[in-house]
Amino acid sequence: RTGGWRTREDTLLLLGLLGGWPGALLAQQLLRHKSAKASFRAAFWATVVINVLAFLALSSPKLGAWSLVR
């Protein structure tokens, strides 16, 4: 709004997808940053779900052939 430097939404979403979503969630709540735009919130929560599902899949003992450490 003031013409200052801003981080692009797709950059924020990518960082969240790469595992920074707990900090992003905290910043949204404490700093009220990106907390009002519904489309960003929906995309953000989609990245959280993808991240959690990926973590569960990678930590599952049934992963079998996908396991990098045997």
PDB file of N, CA and C in Angstrom:
ATOM      1  N   ARG A   1       0.815  -1.204   0.000  1.00  0.00           N
ATOM      2  CA  ARG A   1       0.000   0.000   0.000  1.00  0.00           C
ATOM      3  C   ARG A   1       0.851   1.258   0.000  1.00  0.00           C
ATOM      4  N   THR A   2       1.940   1.237   0.727  1.00  0.00           N
ATOM      5  CA  THR A   2       2.777   2.431   0.827  1.00  0.00           C
ATOM      6  C   THR A   2       3.871   2.461  -0.227  1.00  0.00           C
ATOM      7  N   GLY A   3       3.901   1.476  -1.097  1.00  0.00           N
ATOM      8  CA  GLY A   3       4.908   1.429  -2.138  1.00  0.00           C
ATOM      9  C   GLY A   3       6.218   0.814  -1.688  1.00  0.00           C
ATOM     10  N   GLY A   4       6.242   0.238  -0.494  1.00  0.00           N
ATOM     11  CA  GLY A   4       7.454  -0.390   0.026  1.00  0.00           C
ATOM     12  C   GLY A   4       7.676  -1.762  -0.563  1.00  0.00           C
ATOM     13  N   TRP A   5       8.803  -2.371  -0.210  1.00  0.00           N
ATOM     14  CA  TRP A   5       9.172  -3.688  -0.705  1.00  0.00           C
ATOM     15  C   TRP A   5       8.250  -4.744  -0.128  1.00  0.00           C
ATOM     16  N   ARG A   6       7.815  -5.684  -0.974  1.00  0.00           N
ATOM     17  CA  ARG A   6       6.931  -6.759  -0.543  1.00  0.00           C
ATOM     18  C   ARG A   6       7.417  -8.088  -1.068  1.00  0.00           C
ATOM     19  N   THR A   7       7.149  -9.149  -0.322  1.00  0.00           N
ATOM     20  CA  THR A   7       7.466 -10.495  -0.767  1.00  0.00           C
ATOM     21  C   THR A   7       6.289 -11.014  -1.578  1.00  0.00           C
ATOM     22  N   ARG A   8       6.580 -11.600  -2.736  1.00  0.00           N
ATOM     23  CA  ARG A   8       5.520 -12.125  -3.594  1.00  0.00           C
ATOM     24  C   ARG A   8       4.812 -13.295  -2.905  1.00  0.00           C
ATOM     25  N   GLU A   9       3.527 -13.424  -3.168  1.00  0.00           N
ATOM     26  CA  GLU A   9       2.735 -14.500  -2.560  1.00  0.00           C
ATOM     27  C   GLU A   9       3.256 -15.871  -2.949  1.00  0.00           C
ATOM     28  N   ASP A  10       3.639 -16.053  -4.209  1.00  0.00           N
ATOM     29  CA  ASP A  10       4.119 -17.371  -4.622  1.00  0.00           C
ATOM     30  C   ASP A  10       5.420 -17.735  -3.908  1.00  0.00           C
ATOM     31  N   THR A  11       6.239 -16.743  -3.572  1.00  0.00           N
ATOM     32  CA  THR A  11       7.459 -17.003  -2.803  1.00  0.00           C
ATOM     33  C   THR A  11       7.113 -17.453  -1.395  1.00  0.00           C
ATOM     34  N   LEU A  12       6.148 -16.781  -0.774  1.00  0.00           N
ATOM     35  CA  LEU A  12       5.720 -17.160   0.574  1.00  0.00           C
ATOM     36  C   LEU A  12       5.142 -18.576   0.579  1.00  0.00           C
ATOM     37  N   LEU A  13       4.348 -18.899  -0.427  1.00  0.00           N
ATOM     38  CA  LEU A  13       3.750 -20.232  -0.502  1.00  0.00           C
ATOM     39  C   LEU A  13       4.810 -21.309  -0.726  1.00  0.00           C
ATOM     40  N   LEU A  14       5.804 -21.020  -1.562  1.00  0.00           N
ATOM     41  CA  LEU A  14       6.871 -21.985  -1.812  1.00  0.00           C
ATOM     42  C   LEU A  14       7.675 -22.235  -0.532  1.00  0.00           C
ATOM     43  N   LEU A  15       8.001 -21.173   0.187  1.00  0.00           N
ATOM     44  CA  LEU A  15       8.726 -21.339   1.447  1.00  0.00           C
ATOM     45  C   LEU A  15       7.903 -22.142   2.448  1.00  0.00           C
ATOM     46  N   GLY A  16       6.604 -21.892   2.494  1.00  0.00           N
ATOM     47  CA  GLY A  16       5.737 -22.665   3.372  1.00  0.00           C
ATOM     48  C   GLY A  16       5.699 -24.127   2.989  1.00  0.00           C
ATOM     49  N   LEU A  17       5.657 -24.394   1.686  1.00  0.00           N
ATOM     50  CA  LEU A  17       5.629 -25.771   1.199  1.00  0.00           C
ATOM     51  C   LEU A  17       6.927 -26.498   1.531  1.00  0.00           C
ATOM     52  N   LEU A  18       8.021 -25.778   1.549  1.00  0.00           N
ATOM     53  CA  LEU A  18       9.322 -26.379   1.845  1.00  0.00           C
ATOM     54  C   LEU A  18       9.551 -26.591   3.330  1.00  0.00           C
ATOM     55  N   GLY A  19       8.559 -26.291   4.137  1.00  0.00           N
ATOM     56  CA  GLY A  19       8.658 -26.608   5.561  1.00  0.00           C
ATOM     57  C   GLY A  19       8.621 -25.417   6.496  1.00  0.00           C
ATOM     58  N   GLY A  20       8.467 -24.238   5.970  1.00  0.00           N
ATOM     59  CA  GLY A  20       8.441 -23.061   6.828  1.00  0.00           C
ATOM     60  C   GLY A  20       7.052 -22.643   7.266  1.00  0.00           C
ATOM     61  N   TRP A  21       6.086 -23.536   7.079  1.00  0.00           N
ATOM     62  CA  TRP A  21       4.710 -23.153   7.378  1.00  0.00           C
ATOM     63  C   TRP A  21       4.433 -22.901   8.855  1.00  0.00           C
ATOM     64  N   PRO A  22       5.099 -23.552   9.824  1.00  0.00           N
ATOM     65  CA  PRO A  22       4.809 -23.203  11.216  1.00  0.00           C
ATOM     66  C   PRO A  22       5.154 -21.734  11.519  1.00  0.00           C
ATOM     67  N   GLY A  23       6.289 -21.273  11.009  1.00  0.00           N
ATOM     68  CA  GLY A  23       6.663 -19.874  11.205  1.00  0.00           C
ATOM     69  C   GLY A  23       5.733 -18.932  10.466  1.00  0.00           C
ATOM     70  N   ALA A  24       5.312 -19.334   9.268  1.00  0.00           N
ATOM     71  CA  ALA A  24       4.389 -18.508   8.493  1.00  0.00           C
ATOM     72  C   ALA A  24       3.050 -18.384   9.210  1.00  0.00           C
ATOM     73  N   LEU A  25       2.598 -19.469   9.782  1.00  0.00           N
ATOM     74  CA  LEU A  25       1.340 -19.437  10.525  1.00  0.00           C
ATOM     75  C   LEU A  25       1.445 -18.522  11.734  1.00  0.00           C
ATOM     76  N   LEU A  26       2.551 -18.621  12.452  1.00  0.00           N
ATOM     77  CA  LEU A  26       2.771 -17.756  13.614  1.00  0.00           C
ATOM     78  C   LEU A  26       2.826 -16.289  13.204  1.00  0.00           C
ATOM     79  N   ALA A  27       3.542 -15.987  12.118  1.00  0.00           N
ATOM     80  CA  ALA A  27       3.636 -14.602  11.636  1.00  0.00           C
ATOM     81  C   ALA A  27       2.273 -14.072  11.218  1.00  0.00           C
ATOM     82  N   GLN A  28       1.475 -14.924  10.579  1.00  0.00           N
ATOM     83  CA  GLN A  28       0.137 -14.485  10.179  1.00  0.00           C
ATOM     84  C   GLN A  28      -0.678 -14.074  11.394  1.00  0.00           C
ATOM     85  N   GLN A  29      -0.575 -14.845  12.462  1.00  0.00           N
ATOM     86  CA  GLN A  29      -1.381 -14.564  13.643  1.00  0.00           C
ATOM     87  C   GLN A  29      -0.834 -13.391  14.455  1.00  0.00           C
ATOM     88  N   LEU A  30       0.477 -13.370  14.669  1.00  0.00           N
ATOM     89  CA  LEU A  30       1.074 -12.323  15.501  1.00  0.00           C
ATOM     90  C   LEU A  30       1.192 -10.985  14.786  1.00  0.00           C
ATOM     91  N   LEU A  31       1.565 -11.019  13.520  1.00  0.00           N
ATOM     92  CA  LEU A  31       1.811  -9.783  12.775  1.00  0.00           C
ATOM     93  C   LEU A  31       0.655  -9.391  11.872  1.00  0.00           C
ATOM     94  N   ARG A  32      -0.351 -10.242  11.810  1.00  0.00           N
ATOM     95  CA  ARG A  32      -1.520 -10.035  10.944  1.00  0.00           C
ATOM     96  C   ARG A  32      -1.094  -9.892   9.484  1.00  0.00           C
ATOM     97  N   HIS A  33      -0.038 -10.619   9.106  1.00  0.00           N
ATOM     98  CA  HIS A  33       0.490 -10.561   7.747  1.00  0.00           C
ATOM     99  C   HIS A  33      -0.178 -11.636   6.894  1.00  0.00           C
ATOM    100  N   LYS A  34      -0.752 -11.238   5.789  1.00  0.00           N
ATOM    101  CA  LYS A  34      -1.412 -12.151   4.853  1.00  0.00           C
ATOM    102  C   LYS A  34      -2.517 -12.961   5.524  1.00  0.00           C
ATOM    103  N   SER A  35      -3.202 -12.377   6.471  1.00  0.00           N
ATOM    104  CA  SER A  35      -4.238 -13.116   7.184  1.00  0.00           C
ATOM    105  C   SER A  35      -5.642 -12.761   6.703  1.00  0.00           C
ATOM    106  N   ALA A  36      -5.783 -11.733   5.884  1.00  0.00           N
ATOM    107  CA  ALA A  36      -7.109 -11.295   5.467  1.00  0.00           C
ATOM    108  C   ALA A  36      -7.488 -11.775   4.067  1.00  0.00           C
ATOM    109  N   LYS A  37      -6.526 -12.069   3.221  1.00  0.00           N
ATOM    110  CA  LYS A  37      -6.817 -12.436   1.840  1.00  0.00           C
ATOM    111  C   LYS A  37      -7.203 -13.908   1.760  1.00  0.00           C
ATOM    112  N   ALA A  38      -8.465 -14.159   1.438  1.00  0.00           N
ATOM    113  CA  ALA A  38      -9.010 -15.523   1.453  1.00  0.00           C
ATOM    114  C   ALA A  38      -8.295 -16.448   0.468  1.00  0.00           C
ATOM    115  N   SER A  39      -7.964 -15.957  -0.723  1.00  0.00           N
ATOM    116  CA  SER A  39      -7.312 -16.825  -1.702  1.00  0.00           C
ATOM    117  C   SER A  39      -5.918 -17.247  -1.233  1.00  0.00           C
ATOM    118  N   PHE A  40      -5.202 -16.349  -0.564  1.00  0.00           N
ATOM    119  CA  PHE A  40      -3.888 -16.713  -0.047  1.00  0.00           C
ATOM    120  C   PHE A  40      -4.022 -17.697   1.098  1.00  0.00           C
ATOM    121  N   ARG A  41      -4.985 -17.475   1.977  1.00  0.00           N
ATOM    122  CA  ARG A  41      -5.192 -18.404   3.110  1.00  0.00           C
ATOM    123  C   ARG A  41      -5.504 -19.802   2.604  1.00  0.00           C
ATOM    124  N   ALA A  42      -6.332 -19.915   1.585  1.00  0.00           N
ATOM    125  CA  ALA A  42      -6.681 -21.233   1.038  1.00  0.00           C
ATOM    126  C   ALA A  42      -5.449 -21.905   0.440  1.00  0.00           C
ATOM    127  N   ALA A  43      -4.660 -21.168  -0.324  1.00  0.00           N
ATOM    128  CA  ALA A  43      -3.446 -21.731  -0.907  1.00  0.00           C
ATOM    129  C   ALA A  43      -2.449 -22.101   0.185  1.00  0.00           C
ATOM    130  N   PHE A  44      -2.339 -21.270   1.208  1.00  0.00           N
ATOM    131  CA  PHE A  44      -1.423 -21.548   2.319  1.00  0.00           C
ATOM    132  C   PHE A  44      -1.808 -22.850   3.010  1.00  0.00           C
ATOM    133  N   TRP A  45      -3.094 -23.022   3.332  1.00  0.00           N
ATOM    134  CA  TRP A  45      -3.515 -24.239   4.023  1.00  0.00           C
ATOM    135  C   TRP A  45      -3.363 -25.467   3.130  1.00  0.00           C
ATOM    136  N   ALA A  46      -3.476 -25.288   1.818  1.00  0.00           N
ATOM    137  CA  ALA A  46      -3.222 -26.405   0.907  1.00  0.00           C
ATOM    138  C   ALA A  46      -1.755 -26.834   0.994  1.00  0.00           C
ATOM    139  N   THR A  47      -0.832 -25.854   1.097  1.00  0.00           N
ATOM    140  CA  THR A  47       0.578 -26.207   1.231  1.00  0.00           C
ATOM    141  C   THR A  47       0.854 -26.895   2.566  1.00  0.00           C
ATOM    142  N   VAL A  48       0.135 -26.505   3.610  1.00  0.00           N
ATOM    143  CA  VAL A  48       0.302 -27.156   4.915  1.00  0.00           C
ATOM    144  C   VAL A  48      -0.125 -28.617   4.813  1.00  0.00           C
ATOM    145  N   VAL A  49      -1.268 -28.868   4.194  1.00  0.00           N
ATOM    146  CA  VAL A  49      -1.774 -30.231   4.048  1.00  0.00           C
ATOM    147  C   VAL A  49      -0.800 -31.068   3.217  1.00  0.00           C
ATOM    148  N   ILE A  50      -0.312 -30.520   2.107  1.00  0.00           N
ATOM    149  CA  ILE A  50       0.650 -31.247   1.267  1.00  0.00           C
ATOM    150  C   ILE A  50       1.908 -31.567   2.069  1.00  0.00           C
ATOM    151  N   ASN A  51       2.388 -30.596   2.838  1.00  0.00           N
ATOM    152  CA  ASN A  51       3.596 -30.783   3.636  1.00  0.00           C
ATOM    153  C   ASN A  51       3.411 -31.869   4.681  1.00  0.00           C
ATOM    154  N   VAL A  52       2.300 -31.852   5.382  1.00  0.00           N
ATOM    155  CA  VAL A  52       2.038 -32.855   6.422  1.00  0.00           C
ATOM    156  C   VAL A  52       1.876 -34.240   5.796  1.00  0.00           C
ATOM    157  N   LEU A  53       1.152 -34.330   4.687  1.00  0.00           N
ATOM    158  CA  LEU A  53       0.993 -35.625   4.011  1.00  0.00           C
ATOM    159  C   LEU A  53       2.329 -36.171   3.524  1.00  0.00           C
ATOM    160  N   ALA A  54       3.183 -35.299   2.989  1.00  0.00           N
ATOM    161  CA  ALA A  54       4.507 -35.739   2.543  1.00  0.00           C
ATOM    162  C   ALA A  54       5.336 -36.231   3.725  1.00  0.00           C
ATOM    163  N   PHE A  55       5.260 -35.527   4.841  1.00  0.00           N
ATOM    164  CA  PHE A  55       5.989 -35.952   6.037  1.00  0.00           C
ATOM    165  C   PHE A  55       5.505 -37.323   6.508  1.00  0.00           C
ATOM    166  N   LEU A  56       4.194 -37.496   6.543  1.00  0.00           N
ATOM    167  CA  LEU A  56       3.645 -38.782   6.981  1.00  0.00           C
ATOM    168  C   LEU A  56       4.047 -39.910   6.042  1.00  0.00           C
ATOM    169  N   ALA A  57       4.025 -39.641   4.741  1.00  0.00           N
ATOM    170  CA  ALA A  57       4.401 -40.662   3.766  1.00  0.00           C
ATOM    171  C   ALA A  57       5.874 -41.026   3.900  1.00  0.00           C
ATOM    172  N   LEU A  58       6.718 -40.028   4.074  1.00  0.00           N
ATOM    173  CA  LEU A  58       8.156 -40.287   4.171  1.00  0.00           C
ATOM    174  C   LEU A  58       8.554 -40.942   5.482  1.00  0.00           C
ATOM    175  N   SER A  59       7.763 -40.725   6.522  1.00  0.00           N
ATOM    176  CA  SER A  59       8.107 -41.311   7.816  1.00  0.00           C
ATOM    177  C   SER A  59       7.392 -42.644   8.065  1.00  0.00           C
ATOM    178  N   SER A  60       6.593 -43.069   7.116  1.00  0.00           N
ATOM    179  CA  SER A  60       5.854 -44.313   7.259  1.00  0.00           C
ATOM    180  C   SER A  60       6.768 -45.521   7.064  1.00  0.00           C
ATOM    181  N   PRO A  61       6.671 -46.517   7.942  1.00  0.00           N
ATOM    182  CA  PRO A  61       7.483 -47.726   7.758  1.00  0.00           C
ATOM    183  C   PRO A  61       7.041 -48.538   6.545  1.00  0.00           C
ATOM    184  N   LYS A  62       5.850 -48.301   6.025  1.00  0.00           N
ATOM    185  CA  LYS A  62       5.337 -49.032   4.869  1.00  0.00           C
ATOM    186  C   LYS A  62       5.802 -48.411   3.554  1.00  0.00           C
ATOM    187  N   LEU A  63       6.660 -47.427   3.637  1.00  0.00           N
ATOM    188  CA  LEU A  63       7.139 -46.766   2.432  1.00  0.00           C
ATOM    189  C   LEU A  63       7.943 -47.727   1.557  1.00  0.00           C
ATOM    190  N   GLY A  64       8.611 -48.677   2.186  1.00  0.00           N
ATOM    191  CA  GLY A  64       9.305 -49.751   1.476  1.00  0.00           C
ATOM    192  C   GLY A  64      10.363 -49.286   0.508  1.00  0.00           C
ATOM    193  N   ALA A  65      10.133 -49.472  -0.785  1.00  0.00           N
ATOM    194  CA  ALA A  65      11.122 -49.201  -1.812  1.00  0.00           C
ATOM    195  C   ALA A  65      11.497 -47.722  -1.881  1.00  0.00           C
ATOM    196  N   TRP A  66      10.662 -46.845  -1.384  1.00  0.00           N
ATOM    197  CA  TRP A  66      10.952 -45.418  -1.442  1.00  0.00           C
ATOM    198  C   TRP A  66      11.926 -44.980  -0.356  1.00  0.00           C
ATOM    199  N   SER A  67      12.176 -45.831   0.598  1.00  0.00           N
ATOM    200  CA  SER A  67      13.052 -45.475   1.711  1.00  0.00           C
ATOM    201  C   SER A  67      14.490 -45.279   1.231  1.00  0.00           C
ATOM    202  N   LEU A  68      15.079 -44.160   1.615  1.00  0.00           N
ATOM    203  CA  LEU A  68      16.457 -43.872   1.245  1.00  0.00           C
ATOM    204  C   LEU A  68      17.436 -44.477   2.215  1.00  0.00           C
ATOM    205  N   VAL A  69      17.010 -44.687   3.450  1.00  0.00           N
ATOM    206  CA  VAL A  69      17.871 -45.263   4.491  1.00  0.00           C
ATOM    207  C   VAL A  69      17.330 -46.628   4.841  1.00  0.00           C
ATOM    208  N   ARG A  70      18.124 -47.635   4.672  1.00  0.00           N
ATOM    209  CA  ARG A  70      17.646 -48.993   4.964  1.00  0.00           C
ATOM    210  C   ARG A  70      18.326 -49.541   6.175  1.00  0.00           C
TER     211      ARG A  70
END
